[in-house]
Amino acid sequence: MQNQPNVLVTFLPLIILGVILSFVLIPISKRKGINRLLTFVLIFVPFINLCYIPWLISLTDVSVKNKLAELEKAITKK
């Protein structure tokens, strides 16, 4: 029977990529108005993160939404 690799060593690339993506995507999720804990969890779920990351990046920032709402109020008042 051959030596089986350690489970931690098997998941090490996933863990390293998840930590790197966390440092990049958690500030982005804060700007987009998405829960940071949800972002952290979904980054580590294989195949879900492949759909979640492009969706998160494509969202509009909360500050832009607020500015658009202010502009809409200013236009409708006139």
PDB file of N, CA and C in Angstrom:
ATOM      1  N   MET A   1       0.834  -1.170   0.000  1.00  0.00           N
ATOM      2  CA  MET A   1       0.000   0.000   0.000  1.00  0.00           C
ATOM      3  C   MET A   1       0.885   1.243   0.000  1.00  0.00           C
ATOM      4  N   GLN A   2       0.591   2.161  -0.900  1.00  0.00           N
ATOM      5  CA  GLN A   2       1.397   3.373  -1.015  1.00  0.00           C
ATOM      6  C   GLN A   2       1.005   4.381   0.052  1.00  0.00           C
ATOM      7  N   ASN A   3       1.928   5.284   0.304  1.00  0.00           N
ATOM      8  CA  ASN A   3       1.627   6.353   1.252  1.00  0.00           C
ATOM      9  C   ASN A   3       0.614   7.310   0.640  1.00  0.00           C
ATOM     10  N   GLN A   4      -0.449   7.561   1.376  1.00  0.00           N
ATOM     11  CA  GLN A   4      -1.466   8.498   0.924  1.00  0.00           C
ATOM     12  C   GLN A   4      -1.036   9.916   1.300  1.00  0.00           C
ATOM     13  N   PRO A   5      -1.243  10.899   0.390  1.00  0.00           N
ATOM     14  CA  PRO A   5      -0.877  12.264   0.742  1.00  0.00           C
ATOM     15  C   PRO A   5      -1.777  12.791   1.867  1.00  0.00           C
ATOM     16  N   ASN A   6      -1.226  13.654   2.655  1.00  0.00           N
ATOM     17  CA  ASN A   6      -1.963  14.266   3.747  1.00  0.00           C
ATOM     18  C   ASN A   6      -3.122  15.080   3.173  1.00  0.00           C
ATOM     19  N   VAL A   7      -4.252  15.060   3.864  1.00  0.00           N
ATOM     20  CA  VAL A   7      -5.437  15.785   3.391  1.00  0.00           C
ATOM     21  C   VAL A   7      -5.152  17.280   3.331  1.00  0.00           C
ATOM     22  N   LEU A   8      -4.423  17.802   4.290  1.00  0.00           N
ATOM     23  CA  LEU A   8      -4.089  19.224   4.300  1.00  0.00           C
ATOM     24  C   LEU A   8      -3.257  19.599   3.082  1.00  0.00           C
ATOM     25  N   VAL A   9      -2.323  18.736   2.702  1.00  0.00           N
ATOM     26  CA  VAL A   9      -1.486  18.993   1.531  1.00  0.00           C
ATOM     27  C   VAL A   9      -2.333  18.955   0.256  1.00  0.00           C
ATOM     28  N   THR A  10      -3.344  18.123   0.238  1.00  0.00           N
ATOM     29  CA  THR A  10      -4.217  18.028  -0.925  1.00  0.00           C
ATOM     30  C   THR A  10      -5.004  19.324  -1.133  1.00  0.00           C
ATOM     31  N   PHE A  11      -5.474  19.922  -0.058  1.00  0.00           N
ATOM     32  CA  PHE A  11      -6.278  21.138  -0.149  1.00  0.00           C
ATOM     33  C   PHE A  11      -5.465  22.416  -0.025  1.00  0.00           C
ATOM     34  N   LEU A  12      -4.166  22.309   0.108  1.00  0.00           N
ATOM     35  CA  LEU A  12      -3.321  23.486   0.288  1.00  0.00           C
ATOM     36  C   LEU A  12      -3.427  24.497  -0.858  1.00  0.00           C
ATOM     37  N   PRO A  13      -3.418  24.077  -2.139  1.00  0.00           N
ATOM     38  CA  PRO A  13      -3.585  25.078  -3.215  1.00  0.00           C
ATOM     39  C   PRO A  13      -4.917  25.817  -3.134  1.00  0.00           C
ATOM     40  N   LEU A  14      -5.998  25.109  -2.790  1.00  0.00           N
ATOM     41  CA  LEU A  14      -7.309  25.742  -2.648  1.00  0.00           C
ATOM     42  C   LEU A  14      -7.305  26.746  -1.504  1.00  0.00           C
ATOM     43  N   ILE A  15      -6.659  26.394  -0.407  1.00  0.00           N
ATOM     44  CA  ILE A  15      -6.589  27.290   0.749  1.00  0.00           C
ATOM     45  C   ILE A  15      -5.778  28.541   0.416  1.00  0.00           C
ATOM     46  N   ILE A  16      -4.649  28.363  -0.240  1.00  0.00           N
ATOM     47  CA  ILE A  16      -3.796  29.504  -0.596  1.00  0.00           C
ATOM     48  C   ILE A  16      -4.522  30.444  -1.548  1.00  0.00           C
ATOM     49  N   LEU A  17      -5.161  29.895  -2.579  1.00  0.00           N
ATOM     50  CA  LEU A  17      -5.916  30.736  -3.517  1.00  0.00           C
ATOM     51  C   LEU A  17      -7.089  31.431  -2.833  1.00  0.00           C
ATOM     52  N   GLY A  18      -7.735  30.726  -1.916  1.00  0.00           N
ATOM     53  CA  GLY A  18      -8.849  31.326  -1.193  1.00  0.00           C
ATOM     54  C   GLY A  18      -8.417  32.501  -0.339  1.00  0.00           C
ATOM     55  N   VAL A  19      -7.275  32.382   0.308  1.00  0.00           N
ATOM     56  CA  VAL A  19      -6.777  33.481   1.145  1.00  0.00           C
ATOM     57  C   VAL A  19      -6.405  34.674   0.273  1.00  0.00           C
ATOM     58  N   ILE A  20      -5.740  34.428  -0.843  1.00  0.00           N
ATOM     59  CA  ILE A  20      -5.372  35.525  -1.750  1.00  0.00           C
ATOM     60  C   ILE A  20      -6.616  36.207  -2.306  1.00  0.00           C
ATOM     61  N   LEU A  21      -7.585  35.422  -2.748  1.00  0.00           N
ATOM     62  CA  LEU A  21      -8.825  35.996  -3.276  1.00  0.00           C
ATOM     63  C   LEU A  21      -9.599  36.740  -2.196  1.00  0.00           C
ATOM     64  N   SER A  22      -9.503  36.283  -0.956  1.00  0.00           N
ATOM     65  CA  SER A  22     -10.183  36.971   0.139  1.00  0.00           C
ATOM     66  C   SER A  22      -9.648  38.376   0.314  1.00  0.00           C
ATOM     67  N   PHE A  23      -8.336  38.529   0.268  1.00  0.00           N
ATOM     68  CA  PHE A  23      -7.750  39.855   0.424  1.00  0.00           C
ATOM     69  C   PHE A  23      -8.156  40.791  -0.716  1.00  0.00           C
ATOM     70  N   VAL A  24      -8.411  40.234  -1.874  1.00  0.00           N
ATOM     71  CA  VAL A  24      -8.785  41.056  -3.026  1.00  0.00           C
ATOM     72  C   VAL A  24     -10.294  41.334  -3.055  1.00  0.00           C
ATOM     73  N   LEU A  25     -11.106  40.306  -2.798  1.00  0.00           N
ATOM     74  CA  LEU A  25     -12.542  40.421  -3.037  1.00  0.00           C
ATOM     75  C   LEU A  25     -13.350  40.934  -1.851  1.00  0.00           C
ATOM     76  N   ILE A  26     -12.867  40.815  -0.637  1.00  0.00           N
ATOM     77  CA  ILE A  26     -13.638  41.306   0.505  1.00  0.00           C
ATOM     78  C   ILE A  26     -13.775  42.822   0.468  1.00  0.00           C
ATOM     79  N   PRO A  27     -12.721  43.593   0.164  1.00  0.00           N
ATOM     80  CA  PRO A  27     -12.942  45.041   0.015  1.00  0.00           C
ATOM     81  C   PRO A  27     -13.882  45.391  -1.143  1.00  0.00           C
ATOM     82  N   ILE A  28     -13.832  44.604  -2.205  1.00  0.00           N
ATOM     83  CA  ILE A  28     -14.743  44.838  -3.332  1.00  0.00           C
ATOM     84  C   ILE A  28     -16.179  44.561  -2.908  1.00  0.00           C
ATOM     85  N   SER A  29     -16.396  43.497  -2.142  1.00  0.00           N
ATOM     86  CA  SER A  29     -17.760  43.183  -1.700  1.00  0.00           C
ATOM     87  C   SER A  29     -18.295  44.248  -0.765  1.00  0.00           C
ATOM     88  N   LYS A  30     -17.419  44.864   0.022  1.00  0.00           N
ATOM     89  CA  LYS A  30     -17.857  45.956   0.900  1.00  0.00           C
ATOM     90  C   LYS A  30     -18.327  47.143   0.062  1.00  0.00           C
ATOM     91  N   ARG A  31     -17.588  47.469  -1.004  1.00  0.00           N
ATOM     92  CA  ARG A  31     -17.984  48.567  -1.899  1.00  0.00           C
ATOM     93  C   ARG A  31     -19.286  48.267  -2.624  1.00  0.00           C
ATOM     94  N   LYS A  32     -19.529  47.004  -2.922  1.00  0.00           N
ATOM     95  CA  LYS A  32     -20.724  46.619  -3.666  1.00  0.00           C
ATOM     96  C   LYS A  32     -21.941  46.450  -2.759  1.00  0.00           C
ATOM     97  N   GLY A  33     -21.739  46.456  -1.429  1.00  0.00           N
ATOM     98  CA  GLY A  33     -22.841  46.307  -0.497  1.00  0.00           C
ATOM     99  C   GLY A  33     -23.222  44.866  -0.227  1.00  0.00           C
ATOM    100  N   ILE A  34     -22.309  43.943  -0.434  1.00  0.00           N
ATOM    101  CA  ILE A  34     -22.553  42.523  -0.209  1.00  0.00           C
ATOM    102  C   ILE A  34     -21.904  42.124   1.118  1.00  0.00           C
ATOM    103  N   ASN A  35     -22.513  41.183   1.816  1.00  0.00           N
ATOM    104  CA  ASN A  35     -22.001  40.706   3.094  1.00  0.00           C
ATOM    105  C   ASN A  35     -20.592  40.145   2.928  1.00  0.00           C
ATOM    106  N   ARG A  36     -19.655  40.639   3.736  1.00  0.00           N
ATOM    107  CA  ARG A  36     -18.263  40.202   3.612  1.00  0.00           C
ATOM    108  C   ARG A  36     -18.072  38.762   4.063  1.00  0.00           C
ATOM    109  N   LEU A  37     -18.820  38.324   5.067  1.00  0.00           N
ATOM    110  CA  LEU A  37     -18.714  36.939   5.525  1.00  0.00           C
ATOM    111  C   LEU A  37     -19.200  35.977   4.444  1.00  0.00           C
ATOM    112  N   LEU A  38     -20.279  36.342   3.774  1.00  0.00           N
ATOM    113  CA  LEU A  38     -20.781  35.518   2.666  1.00  0.00           C
ATOM    114  C   LEU A  38     -19.739  35.403   1.558  1.00  0.00           C
ATOM    115  N   THR A  39     -19.091  36.510   1.252  1.00  0.00           N
ATOM    116  CA  THR A  39     -18.045  36.492   0.235  1.00  0.00           C
ATOM    117  C   THR A  39     -16.907  35.574   0.649  1.00  0.00           C
ATOM    118  N   PHE A  40     -16.487  35.680   1.901  1.00  0.00           N
ATOM    119  CA  PHE A  40     -15.393  34.849   2.401  1.00  0.00           C
ATOM    120  C   PHE A  40     -15.735  33.366   2.287  1.00  0.00           C
ATOM    121  N   VAL A  41     -16.951  33.003   2.642  1.00  0.00           N
ATOM    122  CA  VAL A  41     -17.361  31.589   2.595  1.00  0.00           C
ATOM    123  C   VAL A  41     -17.457  31.101   1.155  1.00  0.00           C
ATOM    124  N   LEU A  42     -18.069  31.897   0.285  1.00  0.00           N
ATOM    125  CA  LEU A  42     -18.284  31.442  -1.095  1.00  0.00           C
ATOM    126  C   LEU A  42     -16.992  31.364  -1.905  1.00  0.00           C
ATOM    127  N   ILE A  43     -15.963  32.089  -1.489  1.00  0.00           N
ATOM    128  CA  ILE A  43     -14.679  32.002  -2.188  1.00  0.00           C
ATOM    129  C   ILE A  43     -14.091  30.606  -2.056  1.00  0.00           C
ATOM    130  N   PHE A  44     -14.327  29.945  -0.936  1.00  0.00           N
ATOM    131  CA  PHE A  44     -13.730  28.633  -0.688  1.00  0.00           C
ATOM    132  C   PHE A  44     -14.559  27.466  -1.216  1.00  0.00           C
ATOM    133  N   VAL A  45     -15.742  27.714  -1.765  1.00  0.00           N
ATOM    134  CA  VAL A  45     -16.577  26.639  -2.302  1.00  0.00           C
ATOM    135  C   VAL A  45     -16.220  26.441  -3.772  1.00  0.00           C
ATOM    136  N   PRO A  46     -15.668  25.265  -4.102  1.00  0.00           N
ATOM    137  CA  PRO A  46     -15.285  25.036  -5.504  1.00  0.00           C
ATOM    138  C   PRO A  46     -16.497  25.118  -6.437  1.00  0.00           C
ATOM    139  N   PHE A  47     -16.279  25.616  -7.621  1.00  0.00           N
ATOM    140  CA  PHE A  47     -17.253  25.777  -8.693  1.00  0.00           C
ATOM    141  C   PHE A  47     -18.265  26.890  -8.414  1.00  0.00           C
ATOM    142  N   ILE A  48     -18.651  27.096  -7.163  1.00  0.00           N
ATOM    143  CA  ILE A  48     -19.524  28.223  -6.836  1.00  0.00           C
ATOM    144  C   ILE A  48     -18.743  29.512  -7.011  1.00  0.00           C
ATOM    145  N   ASN A  49     -17.469  29.499  -6.585  1.00  0.00           N
ATOM    146  CA  ASN A  49     -16.662  30.714  -6.686  1.00  0.00           C
ATOM    147  C   ASN A  49     -16.428  31.119  -8.140  1.00  0.00           C
ATOM    148  N   LEU A  50     -16.457  30.177  -9.052  1.00  0.00           N
ATOM    149  CA  LEU A  50     -16.279  30.509 -10.468  1.00  0.00           C
ATOM    150  C   LEU A  50     -17.451  31.329 -11.001  1.00  0.00           C
ATOM    151  N   CYS A  51     -18.623  31.159 -10.419  1.00  0.00           N
ATOM    152  CA  CYS A  51     -19.789  31.962 -10.803  1.00  0.00           C
ATOM    153  C   CYS A  51     -19.906  33.211  -9.936  1.00  0.00           C
ATOM    154  N   TYR A  52     -19.533  33.092  -8.663  1.00  0.00           N
ATOM    155  CA  TYR A  52     -19.720  34.197  -7.722  1.00  0.00           C
ATOM    156  C   TYR A  52     -18.773  35.364  -7.991  1.00  0.00           C
ATOM    157  N   ILE A  53     -17.536  35.088  -8.312  1.00  0.00           N
ATOM    158  CA  ILE A  53     -16.546  36.153  -8.502  1.00  0.00           C
ATOM    159  C   ILE A  53     -16.914  37.063  -9.677  1.00  0.00           C
ATOM    160  N   PRO A  54     -17.226  36.551 -10.873  1.00  0.00           N
ATOM    161  CA  PRO A  54     -17.631  37.468 -11.955  1.00  0.00           C
ATOM    162  C   PRO A  54     -18.919  38.222 -11.637  1.00  0.00           C
ATOM    163  N   TRP A  55     -19.863  37.567 -10.951  1.00  0.00           N
ATOM    164  CA  TRP A  55     -21.100  38.245 -10.575  1.00  0.00           C
ATOM    165  C   TRP A  55     -20.810  39.396  -9.616  1.00  0.00           C
ATOM    166  N   LEU A  56     -19.951  39.156  -8.636  1.00  0.00           N
ATOM    167  CA  LEU A  56     -19.606  40.189  -7.665  1.00  0.00           C
ATOM    168  C   LEU A  56     -18.931  41.372  -8.343  1.00  0.00           C
ATOM    169  N   ILE A  57     -18.028  41.100  -9.237  1.00  0.00           N
ATOM    170  CA  ILE A  57     -17.299  42.173  -9.912  1.00  0.00           C
ATOM    171  C   ILE A  57     -18.225  42.978 -10.822  1.00  0.00           C
ATOM    172  N   SER A  58     -19.247  42.340 -11.383  1.00  0.00           N
ATOM    173  CA  SER A  58     -20.131  43.037 -12.311  1.00  0.00           C
ATOM    174  C   SER A  58     -21.176  43.917 -11.628  1.00  0.00           C
ATOM    175  N   LEU A  59     -21.331  43.806 -10.312  1.00  0.00           N
ATOM    176  CA  LEU A  59     -22.319  44.626  -9.606  1.00  0.00           C
ATOM    177  C   LEU A  59     -21.906  46.092  -9.581  1.00  0.00           C
ATOM    178  N   THR A  60     -22.892  46.963  -9.460  1.00  0.00           N
ATOM    179  CA  THR A  60     -22.646  48.400  -9.367  1.00  0.00           C
ATOM    180  C   THR A  60     -22.312  48.753  -7.923  1.00  0.00           C
ATOM    181  N   ASP A  61     -21.367  49.671  -7.743  1.00  0.00           N
ATOM    182  CA  ASP A  61     -21.002  50.119  -6.402  1.00  0.00           C
ATOM    183  C   ASP A  61     -22.173  50.826  -5.738  1.00  0.00           C
ATOM    184  N   VAL A  62     -22.224  50.729  -4.416  1.00  0.00           N
ATOM    185  CA  VAL A  62     -23.289  51.376  -3.657  1.00  0.00           C
ATOM    186  C   VAL A  62     -23.203  52.893  -3.805  1.00  0.00           C
ATOM    187  N   SER A  63     -22.001  53.443  -3.837  1.00  0.00           N
ATOM    188  CA  SER A  63     -21.853  54.893  -3.965  1.00  0.00           C
ATOM    189  C   SER A  63     -22.415  55.389  -5.302  1.00  0.00           C
ATOM    190  N   VAL A  64     -22.234  54.622  -6.347  1.00  0.00           N
ATOM    191  CA  VAL A  64     -22.781  54.998  -7.652  1.00  0.00           C
ATOM    192  C   VAL A  64     -24.306  54.939  -7.625  1.00  0.00           C
ATOM    193  N   LYS A  65     -24.848  53.921  -6.973  1.00  0.00           N
ATOM    194  CA  LYS A  65     -26.301  53.823  -6.851  1.00  0.00           C
ATOM    195  C   LYS A  65     -26.861  55.007  -6.088  1.00  0.00           C
ATOM    196  N   ASN A  66     -26.182  55.412  -5.019  1.00  0.00           N
ATOM    197  CA  ASN A  66     -26.646  56.567  -4.238  1.00  0.00           C
ATOM    198  C   ASN A  66     -26.596  57.848  -5.057  1.00  0.00           C
ATOM    199  N   LYS A  67     -25.542  58.048  -5.819  1.00  0.00           N
ATOM    200  CA  LYS A  67     -25.435  59.246  -6.663  1.00  0.00           C
ATOM    201  C   LYS A  67     -26.520  59.264  -7.733  1.00  0.00           C
ATOM    202  N   LEU A  68     -26.809  58.110  -8.310  1.00  0.00           N
ATOM    203  CA  LEU A  68     -27.878  58.041  -9.304  1.00  0.00           C
ATOM    204  C   LEU A  68     -29.235  58.343  -8.684  1.00  0.00           C
ATOM    205  N   ALA A  69     -29.452  57.875  -7.472  1.00  0.00           N
ATOM    206  CA  ALA A  69     -30.717  58.161  -6.785  1.00  0.00           C
ATOM    207  C   ALA A  69     -30.847  59.654  -6.503  1.00  0.00           C
ATOM    208  N   GLU A  70     -29.742  60.302  -6.102  1.00  0.00           N
ATOM    209  CA  GLU A  70     -29.766  61.744  -5.866  1.00  0.00           C
ATOM    210  C   GLU A  70     -30.055  62.503  -7.159  1.00  0.00           C
ATOM    211  N   LEU A  71     -29.442  62.087  -8.238  1.00  0.00           N
ATOM    212  CA  LEU A  71     -29.695  62.730  -9.530  1.00  0.00           C
ATOM    213  C   LEU A  71     -31.148  62.552  -9.965  1.00  0.00           C
ATOM    214  N   GLU A  72     -31.677  61.371  -9.745  1.00  0.00           N
ATOM    215  CA  GLU A  72     -33.071  61.112 -10.107  1.00  0.00           C
ATOM    216  C   GLU A  72     -34.009  61.993  -9.290  1.00  0.00           C
ATOM    217  N   LYS A  73     -33.733  62.167  -7.992  1.00  0.00           N
ATOM    218  CA  LYS A  73     -34.557  63.039  -7.151  1.00  0.00           C
ATOM    219  C   LYS A  73     -34.457  64.490  -7.634  1.00  0.00           C
ATOM    220  N   ALA A  74     -33.252  64.912  -7.998  1.00  0.00           N
ATOM    221  CA  ALA A  74     -33.078  66.294  -8.471  1.00  0.00           C
ATOM    222  C   ALA A  74     -33.817  66.520  -9.783  1.00  0.00           C
ATOM    223  N   ILE A  75     -33.814  65.553 -10.651  1.00  0.00           N
ATOM    224  CA  ILE A  75     -34.493  65.694 -11.948  1.00  0.00           C
ATOM    225  C   ILE A  75     -35.999  65.694 -11.763  1.00  0.00           C
ATOM    226  N   THR A  76     -36.512  64.832 -10.901  1.00  0.00           N
ATOM    227  CA  THR A  76     -37.963  64.735 -10.717  1.00  0.00           C
ATOM    228  C   THR A  76     -38.527  65.945  -9.969  1.00  0.00           C
ATOM    229  N   LYS A  77     -37.714  66.635  -9.175  1.00  0.00           N
ATOM    230  CA  LYS A  77     -38.184  67.824  -8.463  1.00  0.00           C
ATOM    231  C   LYS A  77     -38.440  68.979  -9.427  1.00  0.00           C
ATOM    232  N   LYS A  78     -37.713  69.050 -10.511  1.00  0.00           N
ATOM    233  CA  LYS A  78     -37.877  70.163 -11.464  1.00  0.00           C
ATOM    234  C   LYS A  78     -39.065  69.974 -12.309  1.00  0.00           C
TER     235      LYS A  78
END
